[in-house]
Amino acid sequence: MSTLEEIEAAVQQLPPAKRAEFRAWFQSFDATDWDQQMEDDITAGNLEWLANEAISDSKAGRCSEL
């Protein structure tokens, strides 16, 4: 199973209970992958501009309390 089309076809063939099991697994997998991407970006300094912008906005009074 190497192409997206093959994977899609396989998922479509799953019975509802197995599809729910797959959905839960994929959500967990995707969240873990996203967390790792964020961690890698933070470590590499790719989000420094965002933090600096937030600090500047806060100091300039352009933020409101949550």
N, C-alpha and C. Protein backbone atom coordinates (compact mmCIF):
# COMPACT_ATOMS: atom_id res chain seq x y z
N MET A 1 0.85 -1.17 0.00
CA MET A 1 0.00 0.00 0.00
C MET A 1 0.90 1.23 0.00
N SER A 2 1.12 1.81 -1.15
CA SER A 2 2.09 2.89 -1.21
C SER A 2 1.54 4.20 -1.75
N THR A 3 0.34 4.18 -2.30
CA THR A 3 -0.18 5.43 -2.83
C THR A 3 -1.36 5.90 -2.00
N LEU A 4 -1.61 7.18 -2.05
CA LEU A 4 -2.73 7.74 -1.33
C LEU A 4 -4.05 7.10 -1.75
N GLU A 5 -4.19 6.85 -3.02
CA GLU A 5 -5.42 6.23 -3.53
C GLU A 5 -5.63 4.84 -2.93
N GLU A 6 -4.55 4.09 -2.79
CA GLU A 6 -4.65 2.76 -2.20
C GLU A 6 -5.03 2.84 -0.72
N ILE A 7 -4.46 3.79 -0.04
CA ILE A 7 -4.78 3.97 1.38
C ILE A 7 -6.24 4.39 1.53
N GLU A 8 -6.67 5.34 0.71
CA GLU A 8 -8.07 5.78 0.76
C GLU A 8 -9.02 4.61 0.51
N ALA A 9 -8.72 3.80 -0.49
CA ALA A 9 -9.56 2.65 -0.81
C ALA A 9 -9.60 1.67 0.35
N ALA A 10 -8.47 1.44 0.99
CA ALA A 10 -8.42 0.51 2.12
C ALA A 10 -9.25 1.04 3.29
N VAL A 11 -9.16 2.34 3.56
CA VAL A 11 -9.93 2.92 4.66
C VAL A 11 -11.42 2.82 4.36
N GLN A 12 -11.79 3.04 3.13
CA GLN A 12 -13.21 2.95 2.75
C GLN A 12 -13.76 1.55 2.93
N GLN A 13 -12.91 0.55 2.86
CA GLN A 13 -13.35 -0.83 3.00
C GLN A 13 -13.47 -1.28 4.46
N LEU A 14 -12.98 -0.48 5.39
CA LEU A 14 -13.04 -0.87 6.79
C LEU A 14 -14.47 -0.85 7.30
N PRO A 15 -14.81 -1.81 8.14
CA PRO A 15 -16.14 -1.76 8.78
C PRO A 15 -16.16 -0.58 9.77
N PRO A 16 -17.34 -0.09 10.12
CA PRO A 16 -17.44 1.10 10.97
C PRO A 16 -16.60 1.06 12.25
N ALA A 17 -16.59 -0.07 12.94
CA ALA A 17 -15.82 -0.15 14.19
C ALA A 17 -14.33 0.00 13.94
N LYS A 18 -13.84 -0.63 12.89
CA LYS A 18 -12.41 -0.52 12.56
C LYS A 18 -12.08 0.89 12.04
N ARG A 19 -13.02 1.50 11.33
CA ARG A 19 -12.82 2.87 10.84
C ARG A 19 -12.72 3.83 12.03
N ALA A 20 -13.55 3.61 13.05
CA ALA A 20 -13.48 4.44 14.26
C ALA A 20 -12.14 4.23 14.97
N GLU A 21 -11.70 2.99 15.02
CA GLU A 21 -10.40 2.68 15.62
C GLU A 21 -9.27 3.37 14.85
N PHE A 22 -9.34 3.31 13.52
CA PHE A 22 -8.34 3.96 12.68
C PHE A 22 -8.38 5.47 12.89
N ARG A 23 -9.59 6.05 12.95
CA ARG A 23 -9.74 7.49 13.13
C ARG A 23 -9.07 7.94 14.42
N ALA A 24 -9.32 7.20 15.52
CA ALA A 24 -8.71 7.54 16.81
C ALA A 24 -7.19 7.44 16.73
N TRP A 25 -6.71 6.37 16.10
CA TRP A 25 -5.25 6.23 15.95
C TRP A 25 -4.67 7.38 15.13
N PHE A 26 -5.34 7.73 14.02
CA PHE A 26 -4.79 8.77 13.15
C PHE A 26 -4.82 10.13 13.84
N GLN A 27 -5.86 10.42 14.60
CA GLN A 27 -5.91 11.69 15.32
C GLN A 27 -4.74 11.79 16.30
N SER A 28 -4.46 10.72 16.99
CA SER A 28 -3.32 10.70 17.91
C SER A 28 -2.00 10.85 17.16
N PHE A 29 -1.85 10.12 16.08
CA PHE A 29 -0.64 10.20 15.25
C PHE A 29 -0.44 11.62 14.73
N ASP A 30 -1.51 12.21 14.21
CA ASP A 30 -1.43 13.55 13.64
C ASP A 30 -1.09 14.59 14.71
N ALA A 31 -1.70 14.46 15.88
CA ALA A 31 -1.42 15.40 16.97
C ALA A 31 0.04 15.30 17.41
N THR A 32 0.54 14.08 17.52
CA THR A 32 1.94 13.88 17.91
C THR A 32 2.88 14.47 16.86
N ASP A 33 2.55 14.26 15.59
CA ASP A 33 3.35 14.81 14.50
C ASP A 33 3.35 16.34 14.55
N TRP A 34 2.17 16.93 14.77
CA TRP A 34 2.04 18.38 14.86
C TRP A 34 2.87 18.92 16.03
N ASP A 35 2.76 18.26 17.19
CA ASP A 35 3.54 18.68 18.35
C ASP A 35 5.03 18.66 18.06
N GLN A 36 5.48 17.62 17.35
CA GLN A 36 6.90 17.53 17.01
C GLN A 36 7.31 18.64 16.06
N GLN A 37 6.47 18.95 15.09
CA GLN A 37 6.77 20.04 14.16
C GLN A 37 6.89 21.36 14.92
N MET A 38 5.96 21.61 15.84
CA MET A 38 6.02 22.84 16.63
C MET A 38 7.30 22.88 17.46
N GLU A 39 7.62 21.78 18.11
CA GLU A 39 8.83 21.71 18.92
C GLU A 39 10.07 21.97 18.07
N ASP A 40 10.13 21.37 16.89
CA ASP A 40 11.26 21.59 15.99
C ASP A 40 11.36 23.06 15.57
N ASP A 41 10.22 23.68 15.26
CA ASP A 41 10.22 25.09 14.87
C ASP A 41 10.66 25.99 16.02
N ILE A 42 10.21 25.68 17.23
CA ILE A 42 10.61 26.47 18.40
C ILE A 42 12.10 26.34 18.63
N THR A 43 12.60 25.11 18.60
CA THR A 43 14.03 24.86 18.81
C THR A 43 14.88 25.56 17.76
N ALA A 44 14.41 25.57 16.53
CA ALA A 44 15.16 26.20 15.43
C ALA A 44 15.01 27.72 15.43
N GLY A 45 14.15 28.25 16.29
CA GLY A 45 13.97 29.70 16.34
C GLY A 45 13.05 30.24 15.27
N ASN A 46 12.32 29.36 14.60
CA ASN A 46 11.46 29.80 13.50
C ASN A 46 10.24 30.59 13.95
N LEU A 47 9.96 30.58 15.25
CA LEU A 47 8.78 31.30 15.76
C LEU A 47 9.15 32.51 16.59
N GLU A 48 10.42 32.87 16.62
CA GLU A 48 10.86 34.03 17.38
C GLU A 48 10.13 35.30 16.95
N TRP A 49 9.93 35.46 15.66
CA TRP A 49 9.25 36.66 15.17
C TRP A 49 7.85 36.77 15.76
N LEU A 50 7.19 35.65 15.95
CA LEU A 50 5.84 35.65 16.48
C LEU A 50 5.84 36.06 17.96
N ALA A 51 6.77 35.54 18.70
CA ALA A 51 6.90 35.92 20.11
C ALA A 51 7.24 37.40 20.23
N ASN A 52 8.15 37.87 19.40
CA ASN A 52 8.54 39.29 19.45
C ASN A 52 7.37 40.20 19.09
N GLU A 53 6.58 39.79 18.13
CA GLU A 53 5.40 40.57 17.73
C GLU A 53 4.39 40.63 18.88
N ALA A 54 4.19 39.52 19.55
CA ALA A 54 3.25 39.49 20.68
C ALA A 54 3.74 40.37 21.82
N ILE A 55 5.02 40.33 22.11
CA ILE A 55 5.58 41.18 23.17
C ILE A 55 5.43 42.64 22.80
N SER A 56 5.72 42.99 21.56
CA SER A 56 5.56 44.38 21.10
C SER A 56 4.12 44.83 21.19
N ASP A 57 3.19 44.00 20.78
CA ASP A 57 1.77 44.34 20.85
C ASP A 57 1.33 44.55 22.29
N SER A 58 1.81 43.69 23.18
CA SER A 58 1.47 43.81 24.59
C SER A 58 1.99 45.12 25.16
N LYS A 59 3.25 45.43 24.88
CA LYS A 59 3.86 46.66 25.39
C LYS A 59 3.17 47.89 24.83
N ALA A 60 2.66 47.81 23.61
CA ALA A 60 2.00 48.94 22.96
C ALA A 60 0.52 49.03 23.36
N GLY A 61 0.05 48.12 24.21
CA GLY A 61 -1.33 48.17 24.65
C GLY A 61 -2.33 47.67 23.63
N ARG A 62 -1.88 46.87 22.69
CA ARG A 62 -2.78 46.34 21.65
C ARG A 62 -3.33 44.94 21.98
N CYS A 63 -3.31 44.60 23.27
CA CYS A 63 -3.80 43.30 23.70
C CYS A 63 -4.89 43.52 24.73
N SER A 64 -5.77 42.54 24.84
CA SER A 64 -6.82 42.61 25.86
C SER A 64 -6.72 41.37 26.74
N GLU A 65 -7.27 41.50 27.92
CA GLU A 65 -7.27 40.38 28.87
C GLU A 65 -8.20 39.27 28.35
N LEU A 66 -7.81 38.06 28.61
CA LEU A 66 -8.66 36.93 28.25
C LEU A 66 -9.66 36.64 29.34
